[in-house]
N, C-alpha and C. Protein backbone atom coordinates (compact mmCIF):
# COMPACT_ATOMS: atom_id res chain seq x y z
N MET A 1 185.73 32.65 104.32
CA MET A 1 186.17 33.93 103.76
C MET A 1 186.48 33.78 102.27
N LEU A 2 186.20 34.82 101.52
CA LEU A 2 186.55 34.83 100.11
C LEU A 2 188.06 34.77 99.93
N ILE A 3 188.50 34.08 98.88
CA ILE A 3 189.92 34.01 98.54
C ILE A 3 190.09 34.55 97.13
N LEU A 4 191.00 35.49 96.98
CA LEU A 4 191.35 36.00 95.65
C LEU A 4 192.69 35.43 95.24
N HIS A 5 192.69 34.66 94.17
CA HIS A 5 193.92 34.15 93.59
C HIS A 5 194.47 35.30 92.74
N ASP A 6 195.63 35.80 93.13
CA ASP A 6 196.02 37.18 92.84
C ASP A 6 197.47 37.26 92.34
N ASN A 7 197.75 38.37 91.67
CA ASN A 7 199.12 38.76 91.37
C ASN A 7 199.17 40.27 91.50
N ILE A 8 200.08 40.78 92.32
CA ILE A 8 200.11 42.19 92.66
C ILE A 8 200.32 43.08 91.45
N GLU A 9 200.94 42.56 90.39
CA GLU A 9 201.21 43.35 89.19
C GLU A 9 200.01 43.42 88.25
N SER A 10 199.01 42.62 88.49
CA SER A 10 197.90 42.51 87.56
C SER A 10 196.83 43.58 87.83
N GLY A 11 196.60 44.41 86.83
CA GLY A 11 195.50 45.36 86.93
C GLY A 11 194.16 44.65 86.97
N ASN A 12 194.06 43.52 86.30
CA ASN A 12 192.82 42.76 86.32
C ASN A 12 192.50 42.28 87.73
N ALA A 13 193.51 41.80 88.44
CA ALA A 13 193.30 41.39 89.82
C ALA A 13 193.02 42.59 90.72
N PHE A 14 193.66 43.72 90.42
CA PHE A 14 193.44 44.93 91.21
C PHE A 14 191.99 45.39 91.15
N LYS A 15 191.35 45.23 89.99
CA LYS A 15 189.93 45.58 89.89
C LYS A 15 189.14 44.89 91.00
N VAL A 16 189.41 43.62 91.18
CA VAL A 16 188.67 42.84 92.17
C VAL A 16 189.01 43.29 93.58
N ARG A 17 190.29 43.50 93.86
CA ARG A 17 190.69 43.98 95.19
C ARG A 17 190.03 45.31 95.50
N LEU A 18 189.98 46.20 94.50
CA LEU A 18 189.41 47.52 94.72
C LEU A 18 187.92 47.43 95.03
N LEU A 19 187.17 46.70 94.21
CA LEU A 19 185.73 46.61 94.43
C LEU A 19 185.41 45.92 95.75
N LEU A 20 186.06 44.81 96.04
CA LEU A 20 185.78 44.12 97.30
C LEU A 20 186.07 45.02 98.49
N SER A 21 187.16 45.79 98.39
CA SER A 21 187.51 46.71 99.48
C SER A 21 186.46 47.80 99.61
N GLN A 22 185.99 48.34 98.50
CA GLN A 22 185.01 49.42 98.55
C GLN A 22 183.63 48.92 98.98
N LEU A 23 183.38 47.64 98.80
CA LEU A 23 182.15 47.05 99.29
C LEU A 23 182.26 46.64 100.77
N GLY A 24 183.47 46.70 101.31
CA GLY A 24 183.67 46.34 102.70
C GLY A 24 183.63 44.84 102.95
N LEU A 25 183.94 44.05 101.93
CA LEU A 25 183.93 42.59 102.06
C LEU A 25 185.29 42.08 102.51
N SER A 26 185.28 41.11 103.38
CA SER A 26 186.53 40.51 103.86
C SER A 26 187.01 39.46 102.85
N PHE A 27 188.29 39.47 102.58
CA PHE A 27 188.87 38.48 101.69
C PHE A 27 190.36 38.37 101.97
N LYS A 28 190.94 37.26 101.57
CA LYS A 28 192.38 37.11 101.63
C LYS A 28 192.90 36.81 100.24
N THR A 29 194.16 37.08 100.03
CA THR A 29 194.75 36.85 98.72
C THR A 29 195.82 35.77 98.77
N ILE A 30 195.94 35.05 97.68
CA ILE A 30 197.05 34.12 97.47
C ILE A 30 197.78 34.62 96.24
N GLN A 31 199.05 34.91 96.39
CA GLN A 31 199.84 35.47 95.30
C GLN A 31 200.49 34.37 94.46
N TYR A 32 200.51 34.61 93.14
CA TYR A 32 201.13 33.68 92.20
C TYR A 32 202.11 34.44 91.33
N ASP A 33 203.24 33.81 91.05
CA ASP A 33 204.20 34.37 90.11
C ASP A 33 203.89 33.79 88.73
N VAL A 34 203.23 34.59 87.91
CA VAL A 34 202.79 34.08 86.61
C VAL A 34 203.97 33.86 85.66
N THR A 35 205.09 34.53 85.92
CA THR A 35 206.25 34.36 85.06
C THR A 35 206.93 33.01 85.29
N LYS A 36 206.57 32.34 86.40
CA LYS A 36 207.16 31.04 86.71
C LYS A 36 206.17 29.90 86.51
N GLY A 37 205.07 30.20 85.88
CA GLY A 37 204.11 29.15 85.57
C GLY A 37 203.31 28.64 86.76
N GLU A 38 203.21 29.44 87.81
CA GLU A 38 202.53 28.96 89.02
C GLU A 38 201.03 28.79 88.84
N THR A 39 200.47 29.37 87.79
CA THR A 39 199.04 29.18 87.52
C THR A 39 198.81 28.13 86.43
N ARG A 40 199.86 27.42 86.09
CA ARG A 40 199.75 26.41 85.03
C ARG A 40 199.98 25.00 85.57
N THR A 41 200.00 24.86 86.87
CA THR A 41 200.19 23.53 87.46
C THR A 41 198.92 22.71 87.28
N ALA A 42 199.06 21.39 87.35
CA ALA A 42 197.90 20.52 87.20
C ALA A 42 196.87 20.79 88.28
N GLU A 43 197.32 21.06 89.50
CA GLU A 43 196.42 21.34 90.61
C GLU A 43 195.62 22.61 90.37
N TYR A 44 196.30 23.66 89.92
CA TYR A 44 195.63 24.94 89.67
C TYR A 44 194.62 24.79 88.53
N LEU A 45 195.03 24.14 87.46
CA LEU A 45 194.16 23.99 86.31
C LEU A 45 192.92 23.16 86.64
N LYS A 46 193.06 22.21 87.53
CA LYS A 46 191.95 21.34 87.88
C LYS A 46 190.99 21.99 88.86
N HIS A 47 191.53 22.72 89.86
CA HIS A 47 190.70 23.18 90.96
C HIS A 47 190.40 24.68 90.96
N ILE A 48 191.24 25.48 90.29
CA ILE A 48 191.07 26.94 90.37
C ILE A 48 190.57 27.52 89.06
N ASN A 49 191.33 27.35 87.99
CA ASN A 49 190.93 27.93 86.71
C ASN A 49 191.54 27.12 85.57
N GLU A 50 190.68 26.49 84.81
CA GLU A 50 191.14 25.66 83.70
C GLU A 50 191.84 26.47 82.63
N ASN A 51 191.68 27.80 82.66
CA ASN A 51 192.34 28.67 81.69
C ASN A 51 193.73 29.10 82.15
N GLY A 52 194.11 28.70 83.36
CA GLY A 52 195.47 28.94 83.82
C GLY A 52 195.83 30.39 84.07
N ARG A 53 194.88 31.18 84.56
CA ARG A 53 195.13 32.60 84.81
C ARG A 53 194.74 32.95 86.24
N ILE A 54 195.26 34.11 86.70
CA ILE A 54 194.87 34.59 88.03
C ILE A 54 193.63 35.48 87.89
N GLN A 55 193.38 36.27 88.93
CA GLN A 55 192.13 36.96 89.19
C GLN A 55 190.96 35.98 89.16
N VAL A 56 191.06 35.04 90.08
CA VAL A 56 189.97 34.09 90.33
C VAL A 56 189.50 34.31 91.76
N ILE A 57 188.18 34.41 91.95
CA ILE A 57 187.65 34.51 93.29
C ILE A 57 187.13 33.13 93.69
N GLU A 58 187.54 32.67 94.87
CA GLU A 58 187.11 31.38 95.38
C GLU A 58 186.16 31.62 96.55
N PHE A 59 184.97 31.08 96.44
CA PHE A 59 183.95 31.25 97.47
C PHE A 59 184.13 30.22 98.58
N GLU A 60 183.42 30.45 99.68
CA GLU A 60 183.59 29.58 100.85
C GLU A 60 183.17 28.14 100.56
N ASP A 61 182.28 27.96 99.58
CA ASP A 61 181.86 26.60 99.24
C ASP A 61 182.77 25.93 98.23
N GLY A 62 183.86 26.62 97.86
CA GLY A 62 184.84 26.05 96.95
C GLY A 62 184.61 26.41 95.49
N LYS A 63 183.47 27.00 95.16
CA LYS A 63 183.25 27.41 93.78
C LYS A 63 184.21 28.53 93.40
N CYS A 64 184.68 28.52 92.15
CA CYS A 64 185.63 29.53 91.68
C CYS A 64 185.05 30.26 90.47
N LEU A 65 185.21 31.58 90.48
CA LEU A 65 184.77 32.41 89.36
C LEU A 65 185.97 33.15 88.80
N ALA A 66 186.25 32.95 87.53
CA ALA A 66 187.39 33.58 86.86
C ALA A 66 186.90 34.75 86.01
N GLU A 67 187.88 35.49 85.46
CA GLU A 67 187.69 36.65 84.59
C GLU A 67 187.27 37.87 85.41
N SER A 68 188.15 38.87 85.41
CA SER A 68 187.99 40.01 86.29
C SER A 68 186.66 40.74 86.12
N ASN A 69 186.24 40.95 84.89
CA ASN A 69 185.01 41.70 84.69
C ASN A 69 183.77 40.90 85.07
N ALA A 70 183.83 39.58 84.93
CA ALA A 70 182.74 38.74 85.42
C ALA A 70 182.66 38.82 86.94
N ILE A 71 183.82 38.85 87.58
CA ILE A 71 183.86 38.91 89.05
C ILE A 71 183.30 40.23 89.56
N ILE A 72 183.75 41.34 88.98
CA ILE A 72 183.26 42.62 89.50
C ILE A 72 181.78 42.81 89.16
N TYR A 73 181.33 42.26 88.05
CA TYR A 73 179.89 42.30 87.73
C TYR A 73 179.11 41.54 88.79
N TYR A 74 179.58 40.37 89.15
CA TYR A 74 178.89 39.53 90.14
C TYR A 74 178.72 40.28 91.46
N PHE A 75 179.80 40.90 91.93
CA PHE A 75 179.73 41.55 93.23
C PHE A 75 179.05 42.92 93.17
N ALA A 76 178.99 43.52 91.98
CA ALA A 76 178.36 44.84 91.86
C ALA A 76 176.84 44.78 91.76
N LEU A 77 176.31 43.61 91.40
CA LEU A 77 174.86 43.49 91.26
C LEU A 77 174.16 43.87 92.57
N ASP A 78 173.09 44.65 92.43
CA ASP A 78 172.29 45.10 93.58
C ASP A 78 173.07 46.01 94.52
N THR A 79 174.07 46.70 93.97
CA THR A 79 174.81 47.70 94.74
C THR A 79 174.84 49.00 93.93
N ASP A 80 175.38 50.05 94.53
CA ASP A 80 175.50 51.33 93.83
C ASP A 80 176.54 51.30 92.72
N PHE A 81 177.32 50.24 92.63
CA PHE A 81 178.36 50.15 91.61
C PHE A 81 177.82 49.69 90.25
N PHE A 82 176.54 49.29 90.22
CA PHE A 82 175.91 48.85 88.97
C PHE A 82 174.53 49.47 88.90
N PRO A 83 174.24 50.24 87.85
CA PRO A 83 172.97 50.98 87.79
C PRO A 83 171.75 50.06 87.77
N SER A 84 170.62 50.61 88.17
CA SER A 84 169.35 49.88 88.09
C SER A 84 168.66 50.10 86.75
N ASP A 85 168.97 51.20 86.09
CA ASP A 85 168.39 51.51 84.79
C ASP A 85 168.99 50.62 83.71
N LYS A 86 168.15 50.02 82.87
CA LYS A 86 168.63 49.06 81.88
C LYS A 86 169.56 49.69 80.86
N TRP A 87 169.27 50.92 80.42
CA TRP A 87 170.14 51.58 79.45
C TRP A 87 171.51 51.84 80.06
N GLN A 88 171.54 52.31 81.29
CA GLN A 88 172.82 52.56 81.96
C GLN A 88 173.57 51.26 82.23
N GLN A 89 172.83 50.20 82.52
CA GLN A 89 173.47 48.89 82.68
C GLN A 89 174.19 48.49 81.39
N ALA A 90 173.51 48.72 80.27
CA ALA A 90 174.12 48.38 78.97
C ALA A 90 175.35 49.24 78.71
N GLN A 91 175.31 50.50 79.14
CA GLN A 91 176.47 51.37 78.97
C GLN A 91 177.66 50.88 79.79
N VAL A 92 177.39 50.41 81.00
CA VAL A 92 178.47 49.83 81.81
C VAL A 92 179.07 48.63 81.09
N MET A 93 178.21 47.75 80.58
CA MET A 93 178.71 46.57 79.90
C MET A 93 179.50 46.94 78.65
N LYS A 94 179.06 47.99 77.96
CA LYS A 94 179.80 48.45 76.78
C LYS A 94 181.24 48.79 77.15
N TRP A 95 181.41 49.52 78.26
CA TRP A 95 182.76 49.90 78.67
C TRP A 95 183.56 48.70 79.16
N LEU A 96 182.89 47.72 79.77
CA LEU A 96 183.61 46.51 80.19
C LEU A 96 184.15 45.75 78.99
N PHE A 97 183.34 45.64 77.94
CA PHE A 97 183.80 44.96 76.72
C PHE A 97 184.89 45.78 76.02
N PHE A 98 184.72 47.09 76.00
CA PHE A 98 185.74 47.97 75.42
C PHE A 98 187.08 47.78 76.14
N GLU A 99 187.01 47.70 77.46
CA GLU A 99 188.25 47.54 78.25
C GLU A 99 188.98 46.25 77.88
N GLN A 100 188.25 45.18 77.74
CA GLN A 100 188.88 43.89 77.47
C GLN A 100 189.30 43.72 76.01
N TYR A 101 188.62 44.40 75.10
CA TYR A 101 188.89 44.20 73.67
C TYR A 101 189.82 45.26 73.08
N SER A 102 189.65 46.53 73.50
CA SER A 102 190.38 47.62 72.86
C SER A 102 191.44 48.27 73.75
N HIS A 103 191.31 48.14 75.05
CA HIS A 103 192.18 48.85 75.98
C HIS A 103 193.22 47.92 76.61
N GLU A 104 192.76 46.93 77.33
CA GLU A 104 193.66 46.04 78.07
C GLU A 104 194.69 45.33 77.18
N PRO A 105 194.31 44.85 75.97
CA PRO A 105 195.30 44.16 75.14
C PRO A 105 196.46 45.05 74.70
N CYS A 106 196.31 46.35 74.82
CA CYS A 106 197.38 47.27 74.42
C CYS A 106 198.06 47.89 75.63
N VAL A 107 197.28 48.54 76.48
CA VAL A 107 197.85 49.24 77.64
C VAL A 107 198.46 48.27 78.63
N ALA A 108 197.75 47.20 78.93
CA ALA A 108 198.26 46.22 79.89
C ALA A 108 199.45 45.44 79.34
N VAL A 109 199.38 45.05 78.08
CA VAL A 109 200.47 44.26 77.49
C VAL A 109 201.75 45.08 77.40
N ALA A 110 201.61 46.38 77.07
CA ALA A 110 202.80 47.24 77.04
C ALA A 110 203.44 47.32 78.43
N LYS A 111 202.62 47.46 79.46
CA LYS A 111 203.14 47.47 80.84
C LYS A 111 203.86 46.16 81.15
N TYR A 112 203.26 45.05 80.77
CA TYR A 112 203.85 43.74 81.03
C TYR A 112 205.22 43.61 80.35
N ILE A 113 205.29 43.99 79.09
CA ILE A 113 206.54 43.85 78.35
C ILE A 113 207.64 44.73 78.95
N LEU A 114 207.30 45.96 79.30
CA LEU A 114 208.32 46.91 79.77
C LEU A 114 208.71 46.72 81.23
N THR A 115 207.85 46.08 82.02
CA THR A 115 208.16 45.96 83.45
C THR A 115 208.41 44.54 83.92
N MET A 116 207.93 43.55 83.18
CA MET A 116 208.03 42.17 83.66
C MET A 116 208.98 41.30 82.85
N LEU A 117 209.30 41.72 81.65
CA LEU A 117 210.17 40.92 80.79
C LEU A 117 211.57 41.52 80.73
N PRO A 118 212.60 40.73 80.41
CA PRO A 118 213.96 41.27 80.29
C PRO A 118 214.05 42.39 79.26
N LYS A 119 214.98 43.30 79.47
CA LYS A 119 215.11 44.44 78.56
C LYS A 119 215.45 44.02 77.13
N ASP A 120 216.05 42.85 76.99
CA ASP A 120 216.43 42.41 75.65
C ASP A 120 215.38 41.48 75.02
N THR A 121 214.18 41.43 75.61
CA THR A 121 213.16 40.56 75.04
C THR A 121 212.77 41.03 73.64
N PRO A 122 212.62 40.11 72.70
CA PRO A 122 212.20 40.50 71.35
C PRO A 122 210.80 41.08 71.32
N ARG A 123 210.05 40.89 72.39
CA ARG A 123 208.68 41.41 72.42
C ARG A 123 208.65 42.94 72.49
N ARG A 124 209.79 43.56 72.75
CA ARG A 124 209.81 45.04 72.74
C ARG A 124 209.48 45.59 71.35
N SER A 125 209.63 44.77 70.35
CA SER A 125 209.28 45.21 69.00
C SER A 125 207.77 45.44 68.86
N GLU A 126 206.99 44.91 69.79
CA GLU A 126 205.54 45.08 69.75
C GLU A 126 205.10 46.46 70.26
N ILE A 127 205.99 47.15 70.97
CA ILE A 127 205.59 48.37 71.68
C ILE A 127 205.03 49.46 70.75
N PRO A 128 205.64 49.77 69.61
CA PRO A 128 205.06 50.83 68.76
C PRO A 128 203.61 50.56 68.37
N ASN A 129 203.31 49.34 67.98
CA ASN A 129 201.94 49.00 67.60
C ASN A 129 201.01 49.05 68.81
N LEU A 130 201.48 48.58 69.95
CA LEU A 130 200.67 48.65 71.17
C LEU A 130 200.38 50.09 71.55
N HIS A 131 201.36 50.96 71.38
CA HIS A 131 201.15 52.38 71.70
C HIS A 131 200.14 53.01 70.75
N THR A 132 200.24 52.70 69.48
CA THR A 132 199.28 53.26 68.52
C THR A 132 197.85 52.89 68.90
N LYS A 133 197.62 51.61 69.15
CA LYS A 133 196.27 51.15 69.48
C LYS A 133 195.87 51.60 70.88
N GLY A 134 196.82 51.62 71.80
CA GLY A 134 196.52 52.05 73.16
C GLY A 134 196.13 53.52 73.22
N TYR A 135 196.83 54.36 72.46
CA TYR A 135 196.47 55.78 72.41
C TYR A 135 195.10 55.97 71.79
N ASP A 136 194.74 55.14 70.82
CA ASP A 136 193.40 55.21 70.26
C ASP A 136 192.35 54.97 71.35
N ALA A 137 192.59 53.96 72.19
CA ALA A 137 191.65 53.65 73.27
C ALA A 137 191.59 54.79 74.29
N LEU A 138 192.75 55.33 74.64
CA LEU A 138 192.78 56.43 75.59
C LEU A 138 192.08 57.66 75.04
N ASN A 139 192.19 57.91 73.76
CA ASN A 139 191.49 59.03 73.15
C ASN A 139 189.97 58.89 73.24
N ILE A 140 189.49 57.67 73.11
CA ILE A 140 188.05 57.43 73.25
C ILE A 140 187.61 57.75 74.68
N MET A 141 188.39 57.31 75.65
CA MET A 141 188.08 57.63 77.04
C MET A 141 188.14 59.13 77.29
N GLU A 142 189.15 59.78 76.75
CA GLU A 142 189.31 61.22 76.94
C GLU A 142 188.10 61.97 76.41
N ASP A 143 187.62 61.59 75.24
CA ASP A 143 186.46 62.25 74.66
C ASP A 143 185.23 62.11 75.56
N ARG A 144 185.05 60.95 76.15
CA ARG A 144 183.91 60.73 77.04
C ARG A 144 184.06 61.54 78.34
N LEU A 145 185.26 61.59 78.88
CA LEU A 145 185.48 62.18 80.20
C LEU A 145 185.64 63.70 80.17
N LYS A 146 185.73 64.28 78.99
CA LYS A 146 185.85 65.74 78.90
C LYS A 146 184.67 66.44 79.58
N ASP A 147 183.50 65.85 79.47
CA ASP A 147 182.30 66.48 80.01
C ASP A 147 181.61 65.64 81.09
N HIS A 148 182.33 64.63 81.58
CA HIS A 148 181.73 63.74 82.58
C HIS A 148 182.77 63.38 83.64
N ASP A 149 182.34 63.35 84.90
CA ASP A 149 183.25 62.95 85.97
C ASP A 149 183.56 61.46 85.91
N PHE A 150 182.57 60.67 85.49
CA PHE A 150 182.73 59.22 85.41
C PHE A 150 182.20 58.73 84.06
N LEU A 151 182.40 57.46 83.76
CA LEU A 151 182.11 56.96 82.42
C LEU A 151 180.63 56.77 82.13
N VAL A 152 179.84 56.45 83.14
CA VAL A 152 178.42 56.17 82.93
C VAL A 152 177.58 56.99 83.91
N ALA A 153 176.66 57.77 83.39
CA ALA A 153 175.66 58.48 84.19
C ALA A 153 176.29 59.39 85.24
N ASP A 154 177.52 59.83 85.00
CA ASP A 154 178.22 60.70 85.96
C ASP A 154 178.24 60.10 87.36
N LYS A 155 178.33 58.79 87.41
CA LYS A 155 178.34 58.08 88.68
C LYS A 155 179.42 57.01 88.65
N TYR A 156 180.09 56.82 89.76
CA TYR A 156 181.17 55.83 89.87
C TYR A 156 180.58 54.42 89.83
N THR A 157 181.00 53.65 88.82
CA THR A 157 180.51 52.29 88.64
C THR A 157 181.69 51.35 88.34
N ILE A 158 181.35 50.09 88.14
CA ILE A 158 182.41 49.14 87.78
C ILE A 158 183.00 49.43 86.41
N ALA A 159 182.34 50.25 85.60
CA ALA A 159 182.97 50.68 84.34
C ALA A 159 184.24 51.46 84.65
N ASP A 160 184.17 52.32 85.65
CA ASP A 160 185.35 53.10 86.05
C ASP A 160 186.41 52.21 86.68
N ILE A 161 185.98 51.28 87.52
CA ILE A 161 186.94 50.37 88.15
C ILE A 161 187.69 49.57 87.09
N ALA A 162 186.95 49.04 86.11
CA ALA A 162 187.57 48.21 85.08
C ALA A 162 188.62 48.98 84.30
N LEU A 163 188.32 50.21 83.94
CA LEU A 163 189.25 50.98 83.12
C LEU A 163 190.30 51.71 83.92
N PHE A 164 190.02 51.99 85.17
CA PHE A 164 191.00 52.65 86.02
C PHE A 164 192.24 51.78 86.22
N ALA A 165 192.03 50.49 86.38
CA ALA A 165 193.10 49.59 86.80
C ALA A 165 194.38 49.75 85.98
N TYR A 166 194.27 49.61 84.68
CA TYR A 166 195.48 49.75 83.86
C TYR A 166 195.71 51.17 83.37
N THR A 167 194.65 51.99 83.30
CA THR A 167 194.85 53.36 82.84
C THR A 167 195.73 54.14 83.80
N HIS A 168 195.51 54.00 85.09
CA HIS A 168 196.26 54.82 86.04
C HIS A 168 197.72 54.39 86.15
N LYS A 169 198.05 53.23 85.59
CA LYS A 169 199.44 52.77 85.53
C LYS A 169 199.94 52.72 84.09
N ALA A 170 199.27 53.42 83.19
CA ALA A 170 199.63 53.36 81.77
C ALA A 170 201.05 53.86 81.50
N GLU A 171 201.52 54.78 82.31
CA GLU A 171 202.87 55.31 82.11
C GLU A 171 203.93 54.23 82.30
N MET A 172 203.61 53.17 83.06
CA MET A 172 204.53 52.05 83.21
C MET A 172 204.67 51.30 81.90
N GLY A 173 203.71 51.48 80.99
CA GLY A 173 203.78 50.88 79.66
C GLY A 173 204.26 51.84 78.60
N GLY A 174 204.76 53.00 79.05
CA GLY A 174 205.33 53.96 78.11
C GLY A 174 204.35 54.96 77.54
N PHE A 175 203.13 55.02 78.10
CA PHE A 175 202.14 55.98 77.63
C PHE A 175 202.28 57.30 78.38
N ASP A 176 202.06 58.40 77.68
CA ASP A 176 202.17 59.73 78.27
C ASP A 176 200.77 60.23 78.60
N LEU A 177 200.39 60.17 79.88
CA LEU A 177 199.05 60.58 80.28
C LEU A 177 198.88 62.10 80.35
N SER A 178 199.99 62.83 80.27
CA SER A 178 199.86 64.29 80.31
C SER A 178 199.10 64.82 79.09
N CYS A 179 198.97 63.99 78.07
CA CYS A 179 198.22 64.37 76.87
C CYS A 179 196.71 64.24 77.08
N PHE A 180 196.31 63.72 78.24
CA PHE A 180 194.90 63.41 78.49
C PHE A 180 194.44 64.04 79.80
N PRO A 181 194.21 65.35 79.80
CA PRO A 181 193.83 66.02 81.05
C PRO A 181 192.53 65.52 81.65
N ALA A 182 191.57 65.13 80.83
CA ALA A 182 190.31 64.63 81.37
C ALA A 182 190.52 63.29 82.07
N ILE A 183 191.37 62.44 81.50
CA ILE A 183 191.68 61.16 82.14
C ILE A 183 192.41 61.40 83.46
N VAL A 184 193.37 62.30 83.45
CA VAL A 184 194.11 62.60 84.69
C VAL A 184 193.15 63.08 85.78
N ASN A 185 192.19 63.92 85.40
CA ASN A 185 191.21 64.41 86.36
C ASN A 185 190.31 63.29 86.86
N TRP A 186 189.91 62.41 85.95
CA TRP A 186 189.10 61.25 86.30
C TRP A 186 189.84 60.33 87.27
N ILE A 187 191.12 60.12 87.04
CA ILE A 187 191.92 59.29 87.96
C ILE A 187 191.83 59.86 89.37
N LYS A 188 191.92 61.18 89.49
CA LYS A 188 191.82 61.81 90.82
C LYS A 188 190.44 61.58 91.43
N HIS A 189 189.40 61.64 90.61
CA HIS A 189 188.05 61.38 91.11
C HIS A 189 187.95 59.96 91.67
N VAL A 190 188.48 58.99 90.92
CA VAL A 190 188.41 57.60 91.37
C VAL A 190 189.20 57.43 92.67
N GLU A 191 190.37 58.02 92.74
CA GLU A 191 191.21 57.88 93.93
C GLU A 191 190.57 58.51 95.16
N ASN A 192 189.61 59.40 94.95
CA ASN A 192 188.92 60.05 96.07
C ASN A 192 187.60 59.39 96.45
N THR A 193 187.27 58.26 95.82
CA THR A 193 186.04 57.55 96.17
C THR A 193 186.22 56.84 97.51
N ASP A 194 185.10 56.64 98.19
CA ASP A 194 185.12 56.00 99.51
C ASP A 194 185.71 54.60 99.44
N GLY A 195 186.59 54.30 100.36
CA GLY A 195 187.15 52.97 100.46
C GLY A 195 188.22 52.64 99.43
N PHE A 196 188.70 53.64 98.71
CA PHE A 196 189.71 53.40 97.68
C PHE A 196 190.97 52.79 98.29
N VAL A 197 191.55 51.83 97.59
CA VAL A 197 192.83 51.25 97.97
C VAL A 197 193.77 51.32 96.79
N THR A 198 195.06 51.42 97.06
CA THR A 198 196.04 51.53 95.99
C THR A 198 196.36 50.15 95.40
N MET A 199 196.87 50.15 94.19
CA MET A 199 197.22 48.90 93.53
C MET A 199 198.39 48.22 94.23
N TYR A 200 199.39 49.01 94.59
CA TYR A 200 200.56 48.45 95.26
C TYR A 200 200.53 48.85 96.73
N PRO A 201 200.57 47.89 97.65
CA PRO A 201 200.53 48.21 99.08
C PRO A 201 201.72 49.05 99.49
N ASP A 202 201.54 49.81 100.58
CA ASP A 202 202.64 50.63 101.12
C ASP A 202 203.85 49.74 101.42
N GLY A 203 205.00 50.20 100.99
CA GLY A 203 206.23 49.48 101.26
C GLY A 203 206.56 48.42 100.22
N TRP A 204 205.63 48.18 99.27
CA TRP A 204 205.90 47.17 98.26
C TRP A 204 206.87 47.71 97.23
N SER A 205 207.77 46.87 96.78
CA SER A 205 208.67 47.25 95.68
C SER A 205 208.96 46.02 94.85
N ARG A 206 209.14 46.22 93.55
CA ARG A 206 209.47 45.12 92.66
C ARG A 206 210.88 44.66 92.94
N SER A 207 211.06 43.37 93.13
CA SER A 207 212.40 42.84 93.41
C SER A 207 212.72 41.69 92.49
């Protein structure tokens, strides 16, 4: 069975859980507390991910694939989640790179600082700059989604999965999504796709 080295708070890991669930693939998760260095042990670095991060998929033969967008790309190939048309494939990849370069470093980091670190952390000084850049990224998404149900070819793809993960929890990072009606509508579209699963399981609470 596939093993996902996971952290429930990670939108990057959620991307993988969502796609695997929507593909109907069986997998189990192993949870790590990244705030306690559980992904930085010698064993983890040697056998799971030399980069010391979660969202690693471990195959039955022991091979491990890291990086959330590489993982969802791997599993989306030859499925409806990745287009067959070369131009549309490139558009999906464009949004995957946008997510990792312009979106996740702001929206995800703001969520991490405000929900995972102590209230007196000096990193709260980063929030204004993260919000400025994060709103820029959200505005780009809003412009695209004003006239489209999904990001590429009006069809649900891994481009949507990649950007949905942290966008739908952006308010946890202090972002006001009410300013983005097209994004809010898109979130509803994604949540209504077949096999959708929530980021946080029923009954889960931060403790």
